[in-house]
Amino acid sequence: MPPTIVCKATDHIADQIALIEKIMAGGFAYDTPEAVYFDVTKFADYGKMFNQSFEDKTVGARTEVESGEYKNTPGFCVVV
């Protein structure tokens, strides 16, 4: 379905920061010197969105390049 509201992300920076802080307070994200990462291991159904499981995930060339020094799970990390 198309969105009912379309807005510029830059008009809502404060909202984005508040949401990230809420996600972090819930233990679903962690801050590093590189970035804030969403810890997908804390969200049991995360892989369902991509038809993947943690057991099936292998670290390939792309994941190796993306793997940051501070990531908890290099194969499954999302910058928030």
N, C-alpha and C. Protein backbone atom coordinates (compact mmCIF):
# COMPACT_ATOMS: atom_id res chain seq x y z
N MET A 1 0.83 -1.17 0.00
CA MET A 1 0.00 0.00 0.00
C MET A 1 0.88 1.25 0.00
N PRO A 2 0.47 2.26 -0.68
CA PRO A 2 1.25 3.50 -0.67
C PRO A 2 1.13 4.19 0.69
N PRO A 3 2.13 4.97 1.06
CA PRO A 3 2.06 5.65 2.36
C PRO A 3 0.96 6.69 2.38
N THR A 4 0.42 6.94 3.56
CA THR A 4 -0.61 7.98 3.70
C THR A 4 0.02 9.33 4.01
N ILE A 5 1.26 9.30 4.50
CA ILE A 5 2.00 10.53 4.77
C ILE A 5 3.37 10.42 4.12
N VAL A 6 3.76 11.44 3.40
CA VAL A 6 5.09 11.49 2.79
C VAL A 6 5.76 12.76 3.31
N CYS A 7 6.93 12.59 3.92
CA CYS A 7 7.62 13.75 4.48
C CYS A 7 9.12 13.59 4.27
N LYS A 8 9.84 14.68 4.44
CA LYS A 8 11.28 14.66 4.32
C LYS A 8 11.89 14.19 5.64
N ALA A 9 12.81 13.27 5.56
CA ALA A 9 13.47 12.77 6.76
C ALA A 9 14.16 13.89 7.52
N THR A 10 14.72 14.85 6.80
CA THR A 10 15.43 15.95 7.46
C THR A 10 14.50 16.84 8.28
N ASP A 11 13.20 16.75 8.04
CA ASP A 11 12.25 17.52 8.84
C ASP A 11 11.94 16.84 10.17
N HIS A 12 12.48 15.64 10.36
CA HIS A 12 12.12 14.85 11.55
C HIS A 12 13.35 14.27 12.25
N ILE A 13 14.45 14.98 12.25
CA ILE A 13 15.68 14.50 12.88
C ILE A 13 15.45 14.23 14.37
N ALA A 14 14.80 15.16 15.07
CA ALA A 14 14.55 14.97 16.51
C ALA A 14 13.74 13.70 16.76
N ASP A 15 12.75 13.43 15.91
CA ASP A 15 11.94 12.22 16.05
C ASP A 15 12.80 10.97 15.84
N GLN A 16 13.69 11.03 14.87
CA GLN A 16 14.57 9.89 14.59
C GLN A 16 15.50 9.62 15.76
N ILE A 17 16.07 10.68 16.33
CA ILE A 17 16.95 10.53 17.48
C ILE A 17 16.19 9.94 18.65
N ALA A 18 14.97 10.42 18.89
CA ALA A 18 14.15 9.89 19.99
C ALA A 18 13.84 8.41 19.79
N LEU A 19 13.54 8.02 18.56
CA LEU A 19 13.26 6.61 18.28
C LEU A 19 14.50 5.75 18.49
N ILE A 20 15.65 6.21 18.04
CA ILE A 20 16.89 5.45 18.23
C ILE A 20 17.19 5.31 19.72
N GLU A 21 16.99 6.38 20.48
CA GLU A 21 17.20 6.32 21.93
C GLU A 21 16.25 5.31 22.58
N LYS A 22 15.02 5.26 22.11
CA LYS A 22 14.04 4.30 22.63
C LYS A 22 14.45 2.86 22.30
N ILE A 23 14.92 2.65 21.08
CA ILE A 23 15.38 1.32 20.66
C ILE A 23 16.59 0.90 21.51
N MET A 24 17.50 1.83 21.75
CA MET A 24 18.68 1.53 22.57
C MET A 24 18.27 1.25 24.02
N ALA A 25 17.35 2.03 24.56
CA ALA A 25 16.89 1.83 25.94
C ALA A 25 16.24 0.46 26.11
N GLY A 26 15.63 -0.05 25.06
CA GLY A 26 15.01 -1.37 25.10
C GLY A 26 16.00 -2.50 24.90
N GLY A 27 17.25 -2.16 24.67
CA GLY A 27 18.28 -3.19 24.50
C GLY A 27 18.37 -3.76 23.09
N PHE A 28 17.72 -3.12 22.13
CA PHE A 28 17.72 -3.63 20.76
C PHE A 28 18.79 -3.00 19.88
N ALA A 29 19.53 -2.05 20.41
CA ALA A 29 20.59 -1.41 19.64
C ALA A 29 21.71 -1.05 20.59
N TYR A 30 22.90 -0.87 20.03
CA TYR A 30 24.04 -0.49 20.85
C TYR A 30 24.89 0.53 20.10
N ASP A 31 25.50 1.40 20.86
CA ASP A 31 26.31 2.48 20.32
C ASP A 31 27.76 2.05 20.28
N THR A 32 28.44 2.40 19.21
CA THR A 32 29.87 2.14 19.07
C THR A 32 30.53 3.41 18.54
N PRO A 33 31.85 3.45 18.54
CA PRO A 33 32.52 4.60 17.93
C PRO A 33 32.22 4.75 16.44
N GLU A 34 31.82 3.65 15.79
CA GLU A 34 31.51 3.67 14.35
C GLU A 34 30.10 4.17 14.06
N ALA A 35 29.13 3.63 14.82
CA ALA A 35 27.72 3.86 14.51
C ALA A 35 26.86 3.28 15.62
N VAL A 36 25.56 3.49 15.51
CA VAL A 36 24.60 2.78 16.36
C VAL A 36 24.11 1.60 15.54
N TYR A 37 24.19 0.42 16.10
CA TYR A 37 23.79 -0.79 15.40
C TYR A 37 22.54 -1.38 16.04
N PHE A 38 21.61 -1.82 15.20
CA PHE A 38 20.45 -2.57 15.65
C PHE A 38 20.91 -4.00 15.84
N ASP A 39 20.72 -4.56 17.01
CA ASP A 39 21.16 -5.92 17.30
C ASP A 39 20.04 -6.88 16.91
N VAL A 40 20.17 -7.42 15.73
CA VAL A 40 19.10 -8.25 15.18
C VAL A 40 18.93 -9.55 15.94
N THR A 41 19.92 -9.95 16.72
CA THR A 41 19.77 -11.18 17.51
C THR A 41 18.76 -10.99 18.62
N LYS A 42 18.41 -9.77 18.95
CA LYS A 42 17.42 -9.49 19.99
C LYS A 42 15.99 -9.51 19.45
N PHE A 43 15.85 -9.59 18.13
CA PHE A 43 14.55 -9.59 17.49
C PHE A 43 14.38 -10.93 16.79
N ALA A 44 13.69 -11.84 17.45
CA ALA A 44 13.61 -13.24 17.02
C ALA A 44 13.14 -13.42 15.57
N ASP A 45 12.22 -12.60 15.10
CA ASP A 45 11.66 -12.78 13.76
C ASP A 45 12.34 -11.94 12.69
N TYR A 46 13.48 -11.35 12.98
CA TYR A 46 14.14 -10.47 12.03
C TYR A 46 14.40 -11.16 10.68
N GLY A 47 14.91 -12.36 10.69
CA GLY A 47 15.24 -13.06 9.46
C GLY A 47 14.05 -13.37 8.58
N LYS A 48 12.85 -13.41 9.15
CA LYS A 48 11.65 -13.71 8.37
C LYS A 48 11.39 -12.66 7.30
N MET A 49 11.80 -11.42 7.57
CA MET A 49 11.60 -10.35 6.59
C MET A 49 12.38 -10.62 5.31
N PHE A 50 13.47 -11.38 5.42
CA PHE A 50 14.35 -11.63 4.28
C PHE A 50 14.42 -13.11 3.93
N ASN A 51 13.57 -13.90 4.57
CA ASN A 51 13.55 -15.34 4.36
C ASN A 51 14.93 -15.94 4.64
N GLN A 52 15.53 -15.51 5.75
CA GLN A 52 16.83 -16.01 6.16
C GLN A 52 16.76 -16.39 7.64
N SER A 53 17.69 -17.23 8.06
CA SER A 53 17.81 -17.55 9.47
C SER A 53 19.25 -17.30 9.90
N PHE A 54 19.46 -17.14 11.18
CA PHE A 54 20.82 -16.91 11.67
C PHE A 54 21.70 -18.12 11.37
N GLU A 55 21.12 -19.31 11.45
CA GLU A 55 21.89 -20.53 11.20
C GLU A 55 22.36 -20.62 9.75
N ASP A 56 21.53 -20.10 8.82
CA ASP A 56 21.87 -20.18 7.39
C ASP A 56 22.80 -19.06 6.95
N LYS A 57 22.94 -18.03 7.76
CA LYS A 57 23.72 -16.86 7.36
C LYS A 57 25.20 -17.19 7.38
N THR A 58 25.84 -16.95 6.27
CA THR A 58 27.29 -17.12 6.19
C THR A 58 27.90 -15.76 5.90
N VAL A 59 29.08 -15.57 6.39
CA VAL A 59 29.78 -14.31 6.16
C VAL A 59 30.52 -14.42 4.85
N GLY A 60 30.04 -13.67 3.86
CA GLY A 60 30.65 -13.68 2.54
C GLY A 60 31.47 -12.43 2.32
N ALA A 61 31.85 -12.21 1.07
CA ALA A 61 32.70 -11.07 0.73
C ALA A 61 32.06 -9.75 1.11
N ARG A 62 30.79 -9.59 0.79
CA ARG A 62 30.12 -8.32 1.09
C ARG A 62 30.04 -8.10 2.60
N THR A 63 29.69 -9.13 3.32
CA THR A 63 29.56 -9.00 4.76
C THR A 63 30.91 -8.71 5.40
N GLU A 64 31.97 -9.34 4.88
CA GLU A 64 33.31 -9.09 5.40
C GLU A 64 33.67 -7.62 5.27
N VAL A 65 33.38 -7.03 4.11
CA VAL A 65 33.69 -5.63 3.88
C VAL A 65 32.90 -4.76 4.82
N GLU A 66 31.64 -5.11 5.06
CA GLU A 66 30.77 -4.31 5.91
C GLU A 66 31.03 -4.52 7.39
N SER A 67 31.71 -5.59 7.75
CA SER A 67 31.90 -5.90 9.15
C SER A 67 32.73 -4.83 9.83
N GLY A 68 32.13 -4.18 10.78
CA GLY A 68 32.83 -3.18 11.55
C GLY A 68 33.55 -3.83 12.72
N GLU A 69 34.52 -3.17 13.22
CA GLU A 69 35.31 -3.66 14.33
C GLU A 69 34.46 -3.90 15.58
N TYR A 70 33.38 -3.17 15.72
CA TYR A 70 32.59 -3.19 16.95
C TYR A 70 31.28 -3.96 16.83
N LYS A 71 31.00 -4.57 15.71
CA LYS A 71 29.73 -5.28 15.52
C LYS A 71 29.68 -6.55 16.35
N ASN A 72 28.55 -6.79 17.00
CA ASN A 72 28.35 -8.02 17.75
C ASN A 72 28.16 -9.22 16.83
N THR A 73 27.42 -9.04 15.77
CA THR A 73 27.15 -10.10 14.81
C THR A 73 27.37 -9.56 13.40
N PRO A 74 28.57 -9.68 12.85
CA PRO A 74 28.89 -9.07 11.57
C PRO A 74 27.97 -9.45 10.42
N GLY A 75 27.47 -10.69 10.41
CA GLY A 75 26.61 -11.11 9.31
C GLY A 75 25.23 -10.50 9.35
N PHE A 76 24.80 -10.07 10.51
CA PHE A 76 23.45 -9.54 10.69
C PHE A 76 23.48 -8.28 11.53
N CYS A 77 23.90 -7.20 10.99
CA CYS A 77 23.88 -5.94 11.72
C CYS A 77 23.35 -4.85 10.82
N VAL A 78 22.57 -4.00 11.40
CA VAL A 78 21.96 -2.91 10.65
C VAL A 78 22.31 -1.61 11.33
N VAL A 79 22.85 -0.68 10.57
CA VAL A 79 23.12 0.64 11.13
C VAL A 79 21.80 1.35 11.30
N VAL A 80 21.60 1.90 12.48
CA VAL A 80 20.34 2.60 12.79
C VAL A 80 20.49 4.06 12.43
